[in-house]
Amino acid sequence: MNNSITWTEKLYKGHWLVDLGYRDYIASRLLLNNHLIIQGLTLASTSVEKYLKAIIVFNLKKREKYHFHLDRFESLKKLLSTVNNDVTVKFDPVFLDILQNAFRIRYYDRIEKPIFMGFYINQLIGELDYTVDFMERYIANLQNGGKSMSAYFRAIENNDSHLYKNNFILRKENKKDFMEKPDIGFSIYIRIESVVQEEKIVKGGSTKNNYEGQISKFTEFNENLNINSR
């Protein structure tokens, strides 16, 4: 069996994945900024996954199986290491853990044990923006010496409001200052039993957090908080 992969095939598939990743990313930003948490998280997860796959594809020397989702994050990391481009070592492990759990909640019928996530919304959006911007620029340097005509860079040139809203990178804000602004915490708890599906989102009041390179975990489940259950 011929395992070779052509430059044209890598280019086509890689750019296709980047384009899909951006679409999920911009939709995720819109949802998260409007506190549609579950939906925004799942798209954030698929966005980062597609960008990572694009980096793998652009660097392939031969055909490899790379169709893993973030619930198999270690398989993606192994492939990134194989092509000498494991960019995930530069990412926030708390953020990556949230995204791995976010993928699992796409399929409620496969949830074997309760899933819990807690985070502060602006910090989560800020880390998503940082991660996507890093990968977009990494891919641009890899492919075109820093020049790119991807949807992300076109949106920057066009001052797309969906991209610029609450985006500390494009607004040229200091990351630590942005991450330590007063923020709103969300806790998500999902439990599936034989005949019961329980989903709760707990919203906490405005809080200022310290930021030392990792986003803060929000762990409050308090009956005095606003609980939405369905």
C-alpha atoms as a PDB file:
ATOM      1  CA  MET A   1       0.000   0.000   0.000  1.00  0.00           C
ATOM      2  CA  ASN A   2       1.319   3.441  -0.960  1.00  0.00           C
ATOM      3  CA  ASN A   3       1.545   5.643   2.174  1.00  0.00           C
ATOM      4  CA  SER A   4       2.918   8.696   0.401  1.00  0.00           C
ATOM      5  CA  ILE A   5       1.033  12.001   0.545  1.00  0.00           C
ATOM      6  CA  THR A   6       1.394  14.764  -2.006  1.00  0.00           C
ATOM      7  CA  TRP A   7       2.066  18.435  -1.274  1.00  0.00           C
ATOM      8  CA  THR A   8      -1.199  19.351  -3.018  1.00  0.00           C
ATOM      9  CA  GLU A   9      -3.202  16.950  -0.863  1.00  0.00           C
ATOM     10  CA  LYS A  10      -1.644  18.298   2.334  1.00  0.00           C
ATOM     11  CA  LEU A  11      -2.322  21.855   1.220  1.00  0.00           C
ATOM     12  CA  TYR A  12      -5.951  21.153   0.336  1.00  0.00           C
ATOM     13  CA  LYS A  13      -6.808  19.182   3.476  1.00  0.00           C
ATOM     14  CA  GLY A  14      -4.848  21.480   5.784  1.00  0.00           C
ATOM     15  CA  HIS A  15      -6.509  24.669   4.571  1.00  0.00           C
ATOM     16  CA  TRP A  16      -9.893  22.962   4.598  1.00  0.00           C
ATOM     17  CA  LEU A  17      -9.394  22.089   8.285  1.00  0.00           C
ATOM     18  CA  VAL A  18      -8.256  25.642   9.102  1.00  0.00           C
ATOM     19  CA  ASP A  19     -11.349  27.063   7.436  1.00  0.00           C
ATOM     20  CA  LEU A  20     -13.665  24.711   9.327  1.00  0.00           C
ATOM     21  CA  GLY A  21     -11.794  25.419  12.559  1.00  0.00           C
ATOM     22  CA  TYR A  22     -12.299  29.155  12.143  1.00  0.00           C
ATOM     23  CA  ARG A  23     -16.020  28.740  11.464  1.00  0.00           C
ATOM     24  CA  ASP A  24     -16.440  26.758  14.687  1.00  0.00           C
ATOM     25  CA  TYR A  25     -14.294  29.295  16.551  1.00  0.00           C
ATOM     26  CA  ILE A  26     -16.206  32.396  15.498  1.00  0.00           C
ATOM     27  CA  ALA A  27     -19.529  30.678  16.251  1.00  0.00           C
ATOM     28  CA  SER A  28     -18.175  29.597  19.639  1.00  0.00           C
ATOM     29  CA  ARG A  29     -17.180  33.194  20.480  1.00  0.00           C
ATOM     30  CA  LEU A  30     -20.666  34.425  19.634  1.00  0.00           C
ATOM     31  CA  LEU A  31     -22.292  31.789  21.824  1.00  0.00           C
ATOM     32  CA  LEU A  32     -19.916  32.145  24.782  1.00  0.00           C
ATOM     33  CA  ASN A  33     -20.110  35.953  24.776  1.00  0.00           C
ATOM     34  CA  ASN A  34     -23.895  35.555  25.022  1.00  0.00           C
ATOM     35  CA  HIS A  35     -23.603  32.935  27.790  1.00  0.00           C
ATOM     36  CA  LEU A  36     -24.879  30.015  25.703  1.00  0.00           C
ATOM     37  CA  ILE A  37     -22.362  27.877  27.497  1.00  0.00           C
ATOM     38  CA  ILE A  38     -22.884  24.248  26.450  1.00  0.00           C
ATOM     39  CA  GLN A  39     -23.204  25.086  22.767  1.00  0.00           C
ATOM     40  CA  GLY A  40     -20.246  27.467  22.862  1.00  0.00           C
ATOM     41  CA  LEU A  41     -18.036  24.935  24.605  1.00  0.00           C
ATOM     42  CA  THR A  42     -18.706  22.152  22.136  1.00  0.00           C
ATOM     43  CA  LEU A  43     -17.807  24.405  19.202  1.00  0.00           C
ATOM     44  CA  ALA A  44     -14.685  25.649  20.995  1.00  0.00           C
ATOM     45  CA  SER A  45     -13.642  22.017  21.370  1.00  0.00           C
ATOM     46  CA  THR A  46     -14.200  21.117  17.715  1.00  0.00           C
ATOM     47  CA  SER A  47     -12.465  24.323  16.607  1.00  0.00           C
ATOM     48  CA  VAL A  48      -9.236  23.640  18.495  1.00  0.00           C
ATOM     49  CA  GLU A  49      -9.340  20.006  17.376  1.00  0.00           C
ATOM     50  CA  LYS A  50      -9.518  21.013  13.697  1.00  0.00           C
ATOM     51  CA  TYR A  51      -6.648  23.475  14.023  1.00  0.00           C
ATOM     52  CA  LEU A  52      -4.495  20.780  15.640  1.00  0.00           C
ATOM     53  CA  LYS A  53      -5.346  18.373  12.840  1.00  0.00           C
ATOM     54  CA  ALA A  54      -4.415  21.059  10.287  1.00  0.00           C
ATOM     55  CA  ILE A  55      -0.969  21.384  11.878  1.00  0.00           C
ATOM     56  CA  ILE A  56      -0.577  17.610  11.708  1.00  0.00           C
ATOM     57  CA  VAL A  57      -1.631  17.459   8.045  1.00  0.00           C
ATOM     58  CA  PHE A  58       0.648  20.302   6.952  1.00  0.00           C
ATOM     59  CA  ASN A  59       3.602  18.434   8.491  1.00  0.00           C
ATOM     60  CA  LEU A  60       2.879  14.872   7.373  1.00  0.00           C
ATOM     61  CA  LYS A  61       5.656  12.996   5.604  1.00  0.00           C
ATOM     62  CA  LYS A  62       3.384  10.041   4.892  1.00  0.00           C
ATOM     63  CA  ARG A  63      -0.245   9.160   5.410  1.00  0.00           C
ATOM     64  CA  GLU A  64      -1.263   8.837   9.043  1.00  0.00           C
ATOM     65  CA  LYS A  65      -4.554   8.227  10.802  1.00  0.00           C
ATOM     66  CA  TYR A  66      -5.344  11.567  12.405  1.00  0.00           C
ATOM     67  CA  HIS A  67      -9.149  11.493  12.689  1.00  0.00           C
ATOM     68  CA  PHE A  68      -9.134  11.591  16.490  1.00  0.00           C
ATOM     69  CA  HIS A  69     -11.394  13.829  18.552  1.00  0.00           C
ATOM     70  CA  LEU A  70     -10.426  15.658  21.730  1.00  0.00           C
ATOM     71  CA  ASP A  71     -11.701  12.777  23.843  1.00  0.00           C
ATOM     72  CA  ARG A  72      -8.556  11.070  22.492  1.00  0.00           C
ATOM     73  CA  PHE A  73      -6.312  14.052  23.077  1.00  0.00           C
ATOM     74  CA  GLU A  74      -3.239  11.927  23.822  1.00  0.00           C
ATOM     75  CA  SER A  75      -3.483  10.379  20.349  1.00  0.00           C
ATOM     76  CA  LEU A  76      -3.435  13.856  18.793  1.00  0.00           C
ATOM     77  CA  LYS A  77      -0.477  14.839  20.997  1.00  0.00           C
ATOM     78  CA  LYS A  78       1.405  11.735  19.913  1.00  0.00           C
ATOM     79  CA  LEU A  79       0.855  12.602  16.253  1.00  0.00           C
ATOM     80  CA  LEU A  80       1.914  16.205  16.821  1.00  0.00           C
ATOM     81  CA  SER A  81       5.106  14.930  18.439  1.00  0.00           C
ATOM     82  CA  THR A  82       5.658  12.535  15.529  1.00  0.00           C
ATOM     83  CA  VAL A  83       5.684  15.466  13.100  1.00  0.00           C
ATOM     84  CA  ASN A  84       7.768  17.515  15.589  1.00  0.00           C
ATOM     85  CA  ASN A  85       5.064  20.122  16.153  1.00  0.00           C
ATOM     86  CA  ASP A  86       3.389  19.511  19.512  1.00  0.00           C
ATOM     87  CA  VAL A  87       2.140  23.060  19.999  1.00  0.00           C
ATOM     88  CA  THR A  88      -0.099  21.940  22.876  1.00  0.00           C
ATOM     89  CA  VAL A  89       2.833  22.167  25.306  1.00  0.00           C
ATOM     90  CA  LYS A  90       2.373  25.949  25.094  1.00  0.00           C
ATOM     91  CA  PHE A  91      -1.344  25.814  25.961  1.00  0.00           C
ATOM     92  CA  ASP A  92      -3.101  26.080  29.310  1.00  0.00           C
ATOM     93  CA  PRO A  93      -3.698  22.507  30.604  1.00  0.00           C
ATOM     94  CA  VAL A  94      -6.826  23.599  32.511  1.00  0.00           C
ATOM     95  CA  PHE A  95      -8.272  25.003  29.287  1.00  0.00           C
ATOM     96  CA  LEU A  96      -7.399  21.840  27.357  1.00  0.00           C
ATOM     97  CA  ASP A  97      -9.018  19.681  30.036  1.00  0.00           C
ATOM     98  CA  ILE A  98     -12.237  21.703  29.720  1.00  0.00           C
ATOM     99  CA  LEU A  99     -12.220  21.211  25.948  1.00  0.00           C
ATOM    100  CA  GLN A 100     -11.747  17.458  26.330  1.00  0.00           C
ATOM    101  CA  ASN A 101     -14.786  17.281  28.614  1.00  0.00           C
ATOM    102  CA  ALA A 102     -16.690  19.576  26.256  1.00  0.00           C
ATOM    103  CA  PHE A 103     -16.291  17.059  23.441  1.00  0.00           C
ATOM    104  CA  ARG A 104     -17.738  14.303  25.619  1.00  0.00           C
ATOM    105  CA  ILE A 105     -20.970  16.224  26.190  1.00  0.00           C
ATOM    106  CA  ARG A 106     -21.718  16.228  22.443  1.00  0.00           C
ATOM    107  CA  TYR A 107     -23.039  12.702  22.826  1.00  0.00           C
ATOM    108  CA  TYR A 108     -25.135  12.309  25.957  1.00  0.00           C
ATOM    109  CA  ASP A 109     -25.841   8.645  25.245  1.00  0.00           C
ATOM    110  CA  ARG A 110     -22.108   7.938  25.653  1.00  0.00           C
ATOM    111  CA  ILE A 111     -21.686   9.653  29.021  1.00  0.00           C
ATOM    112  CA  GLU A 112     -20.727   6.890  31.436  1.00  0.00           C
ATOM    113  CA  LYS A 113     -20.107   9.015  34.527  1.00  0.00           C
ATOM    114  CA  PRO A 114     -21.085  12.546  35.597  1.00  0.00           C
ATOM    115  CA  ILE A 115     -19.207  15.396  33.945  1.00  0.00           C
ATOM    116  CA  PHE A 116     -18.323  18.536  35.855  1.00  0.00           C
ATOM    117  CA  MET A 117     -16.677  21.694  34.541  1.00  0.00           C
ATOM    118  CA  GLY A 118     -16.200  25.059  36.184  1.00  0.00           C
ATOM    119  CA  PHE A 119     -14.599  28.199  34.753  1.00  0.00           C
ATOM    120  CA  TYR A 120     -14.872  31.962  34.414  1.00  0.00           C
ATOM    121  CA  ILE A 121     -16.360  33.021  31.105  1.00  0.00           C
ATOM    122  CA  ASN A 122     -14.034  35.865  30.097  1.00  0.00           C
ATOM    123  CA  GLN A 123     -11.001  33.798  31.041  1.00  0.00           C
ATOM    124  CA  LEU A 124     -12.280  30.924  28.915  1.00  0.00           C
ATOM    125  CA  ILE A 125     -12.894  33.213  25.928  1.00  0.00           C
ATOM    126  CA  GLY A 126      -9.502  34.840  26.446  1.00  0.00           C
ATOM    127  CA  GLU A 127      -7.730  31.472  26.428  1.00  0.00           C
ATOM    128  CA  LEU A 128      -9.671  30.376  23.353  1.00  0.00           C
ATOM    129  CA  ASP A 129      -8.639  33.587  21.567  1.00  0.00           C
ATOM    130  CA  TYR A 130      -5.010  33.112  22.581  1.00  0.00           C
ATOM    131  CA  THR A 131      -4.973  29.471  21.441  1.00  0.00           C
ATOM    132  CA  VAL A 132      -6.566  30.105  18.041  1.00  0.00           C
ATOM    133  CA  ASP A 133      -4.427  33.189  17.378  1.00  0.00           C
ATOM    134  CA  PHE A 134      -1.292  31.185  18.236  1.00  0.00           C
ATOM    135  CA  MET A 135      -2.230  28.360  15.861  1.00  0.00           C
ATOM    136  CA  GLU A 136      -3.293  30.693  13.046  1.00  0.00           C
ATOM    137  CA  ARG A 137       0.052  32.518  13.199  1.00  0.00           C
ATOM    138  CA  TYR A 138       1.955  29.254  13.594  1.00  0.00           C
ATOM    139  CA  ILE A 139       0.309  27.848  10.461  1.00  0.00           C
ATOM    140  CA  ALA A 140       0.861  31.110   8.563  1.00  0.00           C
ATOM    141  CA  ASN A 141       4.596  30.999   9.403  1.00  0.00           C
ATOM    142  CA  LEU A 142       4.720  27.336   8.489  1.00  0.00           C
ATOM    143  CA  GLN A 143       3.076  27.848   5.121  1.00  0.00           C
ATOM    144  CA  ASN A 144       3.753  31.365   3.904  1.00  0.00           C
ATOM    145  CA  GLY A 145       6.467  32.952   6.013  1.00  0.00           C
ATOM    146  CA  GLY A 146       3.931  34.728   8.211  1.00  0.00           C
ATOM    147  CA  LYS A 147       1.558  35.819   5.467  1.00  0.00           C
ATOM    148  CA  SER A 148      -1.893  34.321   5.390  1.00  0.00           C
ATOM    149  CA  MET A 149      -5.175  34.789   3.589  1.00  0.00           C
ATOM    150  CA  SER A 150      -7.125  32.575   5.973  1.00  0.00           C
ATOM    151  CA  ALA A 151     -10.611  33.554   7.112  1.00  0.00           C
ATOM    152  CA  TYR A 152      -9.135  34.613  10.467  1.00  0.00           C
ATOM    153  CA  PHE A 153      -6.741  37.133   8.964  1.00  0.00           C
ATOM    154  CA  ARG A 154      -9.395  38.400   6.559  1.00  0.00           C
ATOM    155  CA  ALA A 155     -11.687  38.999   9.529  1.00  0.00           C
ATOM    156  CA  ILE A 156      -8.917  40.972  11.262  1.00  0.00           C
ATOM    157  CA  GLU A 157      -8.448  43.140   8.178  1.00  0.00           C
ATOM    158  CA  ASN A 158     -12.197  43.718   7.970  1.00  0.00           C
ATOM    159  CA  ASN A 159     -12.519  44.532  11.693  1.00  0.00           C
ATOM    160  CA  ASP A 160     -15.149  41.818  12.071  1.00  0.00           C
ATOM    161  CA  SER A 161     -17.143  42.707  15.204  1.00  0.00           C
ATOM    162  CA  HIS A 162     -17.768  39.031  16.046  1.00  0.00           C
ATOM    163  CA  LEU A 163     -14.001  38.515  16.228  1.00  0.00           C
ATOM    164  CA  TYR A 164     -13.030  41.766  17.934  1.00  0.00           C
ATOM    165  CA  LYS A 165     -15.687  41.735  20.666  1.00  0.00           C
ATOM    166  CA  ASN A 166     -14.052  41.013  24.033  1.00  0.00           C
ATOM    167  CA  ASN A 167     -10.812  39.922  22.297  1.00  0.00           C
ATOM    168  CA  PHE A 168      -7.809  41.026  24.349  1.00  0.00           C
ATOM    169  CA  ILE A 169      -5.303  40.057  21.639  1.00  0.00           C
ATOM    170  CA  LEU A 170      -6.790  42.119  18.834  1.00  0.00           C
ATOM    171  CA  ARG A 171      -7.527  44.971  21.217  1.00  0.00           C
ATOM    172  CA  LYS A 172      -3.854  44.807  22.266  1.00  0.00           C
ATOM    173  CA  GLU A 173      -4.613  44.387  25.973  1.00  0.00           C
ATOM    174  CA  ASN A 174      -2.194  42.775  28.399  1.00  0.00           C
ATOM    175  CA  LYS A 175      -3.224  39.141  28.948  1.00  0.00           C
ATOM    176  CA  LYS A 176      -2.770  39.145  32.715  1.00  0.00           C
ATOM    177  CA  ASP A 177      -4.745  42.377  33.067  1.00  0.00           C
ATOM    178  CA  PHE A 178      -7.552  40.951  30.934  1.00  0.00           C
ATOM    179  CA  MET A 179      -7.644  37.639  32.806  1.00  0.00           C
ATOM    180  CA  GLU A 180      -7.847  39.415  36.165  1.00  0.00           C
ATOM    181  CA  LYS A 181     -10.817  41.622  35.271  1.00  0.00           C
ATOM    182  CA  PRO A 182     -14.052  41.007  37.219  1.00  0.00           C
ATOM    183  CA  ASP A 183     -15.575  37.888  35.727  1.00  0.00           C
ATOM    184  CA  ILE A 184     -18.605  35.591  35.978  1.00  0.00           C
ATOM    185  CA  GLY A 185     -18.169  31.949  36.916  1.00  0.00           C
ATOM    186  CA  PHE A 186     -20.099  29.031  35.444  1.00  0.00           C
ATOM    187  CA  SER A 187     -20.295  25.484  36.756  1.00  0.00           C
ATOM    188  CA  ILE A 188     -21.672  22.748  34.533  1.00  0.00           C
ATOM    189  CA  TYR A 189     -22.864  19.405  35.839  1.00  0.00           C
ATOM    190  CA  ILE A 190     -24.247  16.692  33.556  1.00  0.00           C
ATOM    191  CA  ARG A 191     -25.493  13.336  34.803  1.00  0.00           C
ATOM    192  CA  ILE A 192     -27.086  10.578  32.738  1.00  0.00           C
ATOM    193  CA  GLU A 193     -28.848   7.561  34.231  1.00  0.00           C
ATOM    194  CA  SER A 194     -31.128   4.957  32.703  1.00  0.00           C
ATOM    195  CA  VAL A 195     -34.171   7.234  32.514  1.00  0.00           C
ATOM    196  CA  VAL A 196     -32.835  10.569  33.777  1.00  0.00           C
ATOM    197  CA  GLN A 197     -30.900  13.304  32.013  1.00  0.00           C
ATOM    198  CA  GLU A 198     -29.868  16.122  34.323  1.00  0.00           C
ATOM    199  CA  GLU A 199     -28.055  19.226  33.177  1.00  0.00           C
ATOM    200  CA  LYS A 200     -27.340  22.140  35.489  1.00  0.00           C
ATOM    201  CA  ILE A 201     -25.563  25.393  34.836  1.00  0.00           C
ATOM    202  CA  VAL A 202     -24.708  27.422  37.902  1.00  0.00           C
ATOM    203  CA  LYS A 203     -23.898  31.088  37.401  1.00  0.00           C
ATOM    204  CA  GLY A 204     -21.865  32.918  40.019  1.00  0.00           C
ATOM    205  CA  GLY A 205     -21.553  36.621  40.699  1.00  0.00           C
ATOM    206  CA  SER A 206     -18.809  38.930  39.508  1.00  0.00           C
ATOM    207  CA  THR A 207     -15.404  37.868  40.781  1.00  0.00           C
ATOM    208  CA  LYS A 208     -11.848  39.092  40.282  1.00  0.00           C
ATOM    209  CA  ASN A 209      -9.277  36.307  39.915  1.00  0.00           C
ATOM    210  CA  ASN A 210      -5.526  36.086  40.020  1.00  0.00           C
ATOM    211  CA  TYR A 211      -3.947  34.837  36.804  1.00  0.00           C
ATOM    212  CA  GLU A 212      -0.577  33.101  36.845  1.00  0.00           C
ATOM    213  CA  GLY A 213      -0.588  31.338  33.486  1.00  0.00           C
ATOM    214  CA  GLN A 214      -3.652  29.115  33.967  1.00  0.00           C
ATOM    215  CA  ILE A 215      -7.337  29.989  33.995  1.00  0.00           C
ATOM    216  CA  SER A 216      -9.143  29.663  37.317  1.00  0.00           C
ATOM    217  CA  LYS A 217     -11.548  26.863  38.162  1.00  0.00           C
ATOM    218  CA  PHE A 218     -15.035  27.796  39.315  1.00  0.00           C
ATOM    219  CA  THR A 219     -16.258  25.145  41.753  1.00  0.00           C
ATOM    220  CA  GLU A 220     -19.311  26.770  43.360  1.00  0.00           C
ATOM    221  CA  PHE A 221     -22.541  24.790  43.516  1.00  0.00           C
ATOM    222  CA  ASN A 222     -24.665  26.867  45.833  1.00  0.00           C
ATOM    223  CA  GLU A 223     -28.433  26.867  46.186  1.00  0.00           C
ATOM    224  CA  ASN A 224     -28.361  30.666  46.396  1.00  0.00           C
ATOM    225  CA  LEU A 225     -26.943  30.919  42.893  1.00  0.00           C
ATOM    226  CA  ASN A 226     -29.028  31.071  39.730  1.00  0.00           C
ATOM    227  CA  ILE A 227     -29.549  27.450  38.641  1.00  0.00           C
ATOM    228  CA  ASN A 228     -30.960  26.516  35.250  1.00  0.00           C
ATOM    229  CA  SER A 229     -31.928  22.872  34.907  1.00  0.00           C
ATOM    230  CA  ARG A 230     -33.474  21.054  31.999  1.00  0.00           C
END
